[in-house]
C-alpha atoms as a PDB file:
ATOM      1  CA  MET A   1      77.375 120.958  98.043  1.00  0.00           C
ATOM      2  CA  THR A   2      78.711 123.725  95.976  1.00  0.00           C
ATOM      3  CA  LYS A   3      78.964 124.008  92.504  1.00  0.00           C
ATOM      4  CA  SER A   4      82.938 124.969  93.255  1.00  0.00           C
ATOM      5  CA  GLN A   5      83.482 121.573  95.420  1.00  0.00           C
ATOM      6  CA  VAL A   6      82.011 119.652  92.469  1.00  0.00           C
ATOM      7  CA  ILE A   7      84.245 121.274  90.190  1.00  0.00           C
ATOM      8  CA  LEU A   8      87.172 120.514  92.365  1.00  0.00           C
ATOM      9  CA  TRP A   9      86.243 116.704  93.147  1.00  0.00           C
ATOM     10  CA  THR A  10      85.591 116.491  89.549  1.00  0.00           C
ATOM     11  CA  CYS A  11      89.201 117.851  88.284  1.00  0.00           C
ATOM     12  CA  GLY A  12      90.630 115.653  90.963  1.00  0.00           C
ATOM     13  CA  TYR A  13      89.139 112.266  89.601  1.00  0.00           C
ATOM     14  CA  LEU A  14      89.817 113.267  86.128  1.00  0.00           C
ATOM     15  CA  VAL A  15      93.574 113.526  86.986  1.00  0.00           C
ATOM     16  CA  ALA A  16      93.087 109.811  88.620  1.00  0.00           C
ATOM     17  CA  LEU A  17      91.458 108.724  85.114  1.00  0.00           C
ATOM     18  CA  ILE A  18      94.481 109.822  83.266  1.00  0.00           C
ATOM     19  CA  ALA A  19      96.629 108.129  85.821  1.00  0.00           C
ATOM     20  CA  VAL A  20      94.598 104.931  85.787  1.00  0.00           C
ATOM     21  CA  ILE A  21      94.863 104.958  81.971  1.00  0.00           C
ATOM     22  CA  TYR A  22      98.293 105.435  81.951  1.00  0.00           C
ATOM     23  CA  PHE A  23      99.097 102.855  84.468  1.00  0.00           C
ATOM     24  CA  THR A  24      96.612 100.223  83.296  1.00  0.00           C
ATOM     25  CA  ARG A  25      98.058 100.847  79.254  1.00  0.00           C
ATOM     26  CA  ALA A  26      94.120 101.097  78.541  1.00  0.00           C
ATOM     27  CA  THR A  27      93.594 100.782  74.673  1.00  0.00           C
ATOM     28  CA  ARG A  28      91.160 103.240  73.101  1.00  0.00           C
ATOM     29  CA  ARG A  29      88.263 100.875  73.223  1.00  0.00           C
ATOM     30  CA  ARG A  30      88.854 100.344  77.147  1.00  0.00           C
ATOM     31  CA  VAL A  31      89.022 104.120  77.616  1.00  0.00           C
ATOM     32  CA  LEU A  32      85.692 104.904  75.868  1.00  0.00           C
ATOM     33  CA  GLY A  33      84.090 101.885  77.384  1.00  0.00           C
ATOM     34  CA  ALA A  34      85.332 103.444  80.646  1.00  0.00           C
ATOM     35  CA  MET A  35      83.920 106.719  79.920  1.00  0.00           C
ATOM     36  CA  ALA A  36      80.396 104.763  78.956  1.00  0.00           C
ATOM     37  CA  GLY A  37      80.724 102.771  81.923  1.00  0.00           C
ATOM     38  CA  GLY A  38      80.909 105.680  83.862  1.00  0.00           C
ATOM     39  CA  ALA A  39      78.271 107.535  82.131  1.00  0.00           C
ATOM     40  CA  ALA A  40      75.869 104.318  82.898  1.00  0.00           C
ATOM     41  CA  ALA A  41      77.214 103.963  86.469  1.00  0.00           C
ATOM     42  CA  GLY A  42      76.225 107.691  87.160  1.00  0.00           C
ATOM     43  CA  LEU A  43      73.139 107.670  86.138  1.00  0.00           C
ATOM     44  CA  PHE A  44      72.642 104.712  88.070  1.00  0.00           C
ATOM     45  CA  GLY A  45      74.135 106.683  91.026  1.00  0.00           C
ATOM     46  CA  VAL A  46      71.793 109.604  90.558  1.00  0.00           C
ATOM     47  CA  GLY A  47      68.925 107.334  90.572  1.00  0.00           C
ATOM     48  CA  ALA A  48      70.171 105.577  93.523  1.00  0.00           C
ATOM     49  CA  ILE A  49      70.266 108.763  95.444  1.00  0.00           C
ATOM     50  CA  ALA A  50      67.008 110.003  94.489  1.00  0.00           C
ATOM     51  CA  LEU A  51      65.391 106.843  95.236  1.00  0.00           C
ATOM     52  CA  CYS A  52      67.266 106.745  99.058  1.00  0.00           C
ATOM     53  CA  GLN A  53      66.142 110.239  99.435  1.00  0.00           C
ATOM     54  CA  ALA A  54      62.804 109.706  98.816  1.00  0.00           C
ATOM     55  CA  LEU A  55      62.439 106.662 101.156  1.00  0.00           C
ATOM     56  CA  GLY A  56      64.450 109.145 103.713  1.00  0.00           C
ATOM     57  CA  TRP A  57      67.669 107.109 104.118  1.00  0.00           C
ATOM     58  CA  TRP A  58      69.680 109.504 103.356  1.00  0.00           C
ATOM     59  CA  GLN A  59      69.823 112.826 102.066  1.00  0.00           C
ATOM     60  CA  ILE A  60      72.408 115.129  99.920  1.00  0.00           C
ATOM     61  CA  PRO A  61      71.688 118.449  99.655  1.00  0.00           C
ATOM     62  CA  PHE A  62      71.843 120.106  96.182  1.00  0.00           C
ATOM     63  CA  ALA A  63      72.117 123.645  95.215  1.00  0.00           C
ATOM     64  CA  SER A  64      68.729 125.146  93.670  1.00  0.00           C
ATOM     65  CA  THR A  65      70.138 126.100  90.357  1.00  0.00           C
ATOM     66  CA  PRO A  66      68.828 124.312  87.122  1.00  0.00           C
ATOM     67  CA  TYR A  67      72.219 123.274  85.989  1.00  0.00           C
ATOM     68  CA  PHE A  68      73.450 121.632  89.593  1.00  0.00           C
ATOM     69  CA  LEU A  69      72.069 118.445  88.774  1.00  0.00           C
ATOM     70  CA  GLY A  70      73.699 118.408  85.607  1.00  0.00           C
ATOM     71  CA  LEU A  71      77.011 119.321  87.235  1.00  0.00           C
ATOM     72  CA  PHE A  72      76.763 116.628  89.518  1.00  0.00           C
ATOM     73  CA  TYR A  73      76.086 114.160  87.336  1.00  0.00           C
ATOM     74  CA  LEU A  74      79.015 114.829  85.059  1.00  0.00           C
ATOM     75  CA  GLY A  75      81.080 114.971  88.231  1.00  0.00           C
ATOM     76  CA  LEU A  76      80.123 111.856  89.348  1.00  0.00           C
ATOM     77  CA  SER A  77      80.359 109.785  86.137  1.00  0.00           C
ATOM     78  CA  ILE A  78      83.901 110.924  85.981  1.00  0.00           C
ATOM     79  CA  SER A  79      84.718 109.968  89.261  1.00  0.00           C
ATOM     80  CA  LEU A  80      83.552 106.535  88.455  1.00  0.00           C
ATOM     81  CA  MET A  81      85.518 106.383  85.218  1.00  0.00           C
ATOM     82  CA  PRO A  82      88.651 105.486  86.966  1.00  0.00           C
ATOM     83  CA  ILE A  83      87.338 102.123  88.472  1.00  0.00           C
ATOM     84  CA  TYR A  84      86.674 100.252  85.178  1.00  0.00           C
ATOM     85  CA  PRO A  85      90.098 100.226  83.734  1.00  0.00           C
ATOM     86  CA  VAL A  86      91.124  98.727  87.151  1.00  0.00           C
ATOM     87  CA  THR A  87      87.886  96.066  86.817  1.00  0.00           C
ATOM     88  CA  TRP A  88      88.924  95.152  83.604  1.00  0.00           C
ATOM     89  CA  ARG A  89      92.163  94.203  84.383  1.00  0.00           C
ATOM     90  CA  ILE A  90      91.231  92.469  87.442  1.00  0.00           C
ATOM     91  CA  ALA A  91      88.739  90.311  85.096  1.00  0.00           C
ATOM     92  CA  ARG A  92      91.384  89.549  82.712  1.00  0.00           C
ATOM     93  CA  ARG A  93      94.005  88.595  85.261  1.00  0.00           C
ATOM     94  CA  PHE A  94      91.313  86.730  87.896  1.00  0.00           C
ATOM     95  CA  GLY A  95      88.051  86.065  85.866  1.00  0.00           C
ATOM     96  CA  LEU A  96      84.665  86.773  87.013  1.00  0.00           C
ATOM     97  CA  ARG A  97      85.577  85.139  90.795  1.00  0.00           C
ATOM     98  CA  GLY A  98      88.280  88.049  91.147  1.00  0.00           C
ATOM     99  CA  LEU A  99      85.678  90.485  89.871  1.00  0.00           C
ATOM    100  CA  ALA A 100      83.300  88.969  91.981  1.00  0.00           C
ATOM    101  CA  VAL A 101      85.445  89.510  95.217  1.00  0.00           C
ATOM    102  CA  PHE A 102      86.201  93.417  94.006  1.00  0.00           C
ATOM    103  CA  VAL A 103      82.523  93.924  94.191  1.00  0.00           C
ATOM    104  CA  GLY A 104      82.119  92.535  97.692  1.00  0.00           C
ATOM    105  CA  ILE A 105      85.084  94.557  98.936  1.00  0.00           C
ATOM    106  CA  VAL A 106      83.420  97.790  97.516  1.00  0.00           C
ATOM    107  CA  THR A 107      80.202  96.929  98.752  1.00  0.00           C
ATOM    108  CA  ILE A 108      81.833  96.348 102.355  1.00  0.00           C
ATOM    109  CA  ILE A 109      84.039  99.515 102.304  1.00  0.00           C
ATOM    110  CA  GLY A 110      82.000 101.877 100.520  1.00  0.00           C
ATOM    111  CA  PRO A 111      79.405 102.677 103.657  1.00  0.00           C
ATOM    112  CA  PRO A 112      82.355 103.178 105.753  1.00  0.00           C
ATOM    113  CA  ARG A 113      83.506 105.476 103.366  1.00  0.00           C
ATOM    114  CA  ASP A 114      80.239 107.313 102.843  1.00  0.00           C
ATOM    115  CA  TYR A 115      79.782 107.518 106.672  1.00  0.00           C
ATOM    116  CA  MET A 116      83.135 109.155 107.466  1.00  0.00           C
ATOM    117  CA  TYR A 117      82.411 111.850 104.736  1.00  0.00           C
ATOM    118  CA  ALA A 118      79.271 112.477 105.822  1.00  0.00           C
ATOM    119  CA  THR A 119      80.606 112.674 109.321  1.00  0.00           C
ATOM    120  CA  MET A 120      83.458 115.211 108.030  1.00  0.00           C
ATOM    121  CA  PHE A 121      81.247 117.360 106.053  1.00  0.00           C
ATOM    122  CA  PRO A 122      77.710 116.827 106.918  1.00  0.00           C
ATOM    123  CA  LYS A 123      76.628 119.856 104.540  1.00  0.00           C
ATOM    124  CA  TRP A 124      77.229 116.798 101.845  1.00  0.00           C
ATOM    125  CA  MET A 125      75.441 114.131 103.127  1.00  0.00           C
ATOM    126  CA  VAL A 126      73.304 112.963 106.005  1.00  0.00           C
ATOM    127  CA  PHE A 127      72.334 109.268 106.899  1.00  0.00           C
ATOM    128  CA  ALA A 128      69.281 108.335 108.646  1.00  0.00           C
ATOM    129  CA  PRO A 129      69.865 105.953 111.608  1.00  0.00           C
ATOM    130  CA  GLY A 130      69.463 102.457 111.134  1.00  0.00           C
ATOM    131  CA  VAL A 131      70.486  99.149 108.832  1.00  0.00           C
ATOM    132  CA  ALA A 132      68.488 100.338 105.763  1.00  0.00           C
ATOM    133  CA  PRO A 133      70.772 103.178 104.463  1.00  0.00           C
ATOM    134  CA  ILE A 134      73.803 101.027 104.973  1.00  0.00           C
ATOM    135  CA  LEU A 135      72.486  98.206 103.209  1.00  0.00           C
ATOM    136  CA  ALA A 136      71.310 100.643 100.385  1.00  0.00           C
ATOM    137  CA  ASP A 137      75.030 102.303 100.134  1.00  0.00           C
ATOM    138  CA  GLY A 138      76.490  99.100  99.956  1.00  0.00           C
ATOM    139  CA  ALA A 139      74.016  97.974  97.099  1.00  0.00           C
ATOM    140  CA  ALA A 140      74.149 101.365  95.325  1.00  0.00           C
ATOM    141  CA  TYR A 141      78.443 100.613  95.177  1.00  0.00           C
ATOM    142  CA  ALA A 142      77.790  97.216  94.454  1.00  0.00           C
ATOM    143  CA  GLY A 143      75.305  98.407  91.342  1.00  0.00           C
ATOM    144  CA  ILE A 144      77.830 101.033  90.465  1.00  0.00           C
ATOM    145  CA  VAL A 145      80.676  98.396  89.966  1.00  0.00           C
ATOM    146  CA  ILE A 146      78.630  95.715  88.039  1.00  0.00           C
ATOM    147  CA  ILE A 147      76.615  98.274  85.747  1.00  0.00           C
ATOM    148  CA  GLY A 148      79.875 100.273  84.512  1.00  0.00           C
ATOM    149  CA  HIS A 149      81.972  97.150  84.639  1.00  0.00           C
ATOM    150  CA  GLY A 150      79.518  95.581  81.741  1.00  0.00           C
ATOM    151  CA  VAL A 151      78.838  98.459  79.710  1.00  0.00           C
ATOM    152  CA  MET A 152      82.737  98.685  79.618  1.00  0.00           C
ATOM    153  CA  SER A 153      82.484  95.133  78.407  1.00  0.00           C
ATOM    154  CA  LEU A 154      80.306  95.794  75.804  1.00  0.00           C
ATOM    155  CA  ILE A 155      82.526  98.514  74.143  1.00  0.00           C
ATOM    156  CA  ALA A 156      85.841  96.875  74.955  1.00  0.00           C
ATOM    157  CA  GLY A 157      84.819  93.190  74.413  1.00  0.00           C
ATOM    158  CA  PRO A 158      85.117  90.789  77.652  1.00  0.00           C
ATOM    159  CA  ALA A 159      88.453  90.992  79.669  1.00  0.00           C
ATOM    160  CA  GLY A 160      89.041  87.510  79.081  1.00  0.00           C
ATOM    161  CA  ALA A 161      88.938  87.613  75.389  1.00  0.00           C
ATOM    162  CA  ASP A 162      91.889  89.798  75.373  1.00  0.00           C
ATOM    163  CA  ARG A 163      95.110  88.225  73.799  1.00  0.00           C
ATOM    164  CA  LEU A 164      96.978  88.896  76.968  1.00  0.00           C
ATOM    165  CA  ALA A 165      94.272  87.416  79.339  1.00  0.00           C
ATOM    166  CA  ARG A 166      95.353  84.508  81.302  1.00  0.00           C
ATOM    167  CA  GLN A 167      94.458  81.057  79.403  1.00  0.00           C
ATOM    168  CA  PRO A 168      93.755  78.023  81.600  1.00  0.00           C
ATOM    169  CA  ILE A 169      96.553  75.532  81.838  1.00  0.00           C
ATOM    170  CA  ALA A 170      95.421  72.710  80.042  1.00  0.00           C
ATOM    171  CA  VAL A 171      96.247  69.226  81.831  1.00  0.00           C
ATOM    172  CA  ALA A 172      97.738  66.661  79.701  1.00  0.00           C
ATOM    173  CA  HIS A 173      95.749  63.243  80.515  1.00  0.00           C
ATOM    174  CA  THR A 174      98.280  60.730  80.218  1.00  0.00           C
ATOM    175  CA  GLU A 175      97.608  56.766  80.461  1.00  0.00           C
ATOM    176  CA  ASN A 176      99.781  55.074  83.390  1.00  0.00           C
ATOM    177  CA  VAL A 177     102.314  53.748  81.015  1.00  0.00           C
ATOM    178  CA  VAL A 178     104.817  51.492  82.265  1.00  0.00           C
ATOM    179  CA  VAL A 179     108.287  51.355  80.624  1.00  0.00           C
ATOM    180  CA  GLY A 180     109.847  48.247  80.834  1.00  0.00           C
ATOM    181  CA  PRO A 181     113.809  47.435  80.688  1.00  0.00           C
ATOM    182  CA  GLU A 182     113.448  47.759  76.489  1.00  0.00           C
ATOM    183  CA  GLY A 183     112.289  51.608  76.741  1.00  0.00           C
ATOM    184  CA  GLY A 184     108.898  51.098  75.866  1.00  0.00           C
END
């Protein structure tokens, strides 16, 4: 992966972030929360990459320049930021159950996506054979969503506390009242 490629996909995700901010009508606090969530999840992602490379589960060739890791971290962080306004909206609308479904979907879809990219661009990533790299990749995706959303919630506040969040429907408990011919 070259410096130019990292800068190119970072710019693409920056455009995606702006679109997501616009379409989710994110407030300033949510935008700052998404940025902090992306920074935290990016740190987790770089750590997961380093750990899995050390274990021999995958290989991501980095340029040997001193600034490349910082550039990669910045690009990864920015590429993750668009996720968190969406997860915040999901949590606001569907609660923790909806967020759990989203994490499950990302965990399942993430590894095939990465394997597809590794097949198309073998200079970017190479997976070792076996089940362990697949499970590690899925766990990395789950961790990225959970950590980033958690950090965003710390800054933007919990989604369920938003004034537009769905409130549970209060079920009125009434006694069985028999209305007689007198009306009461």
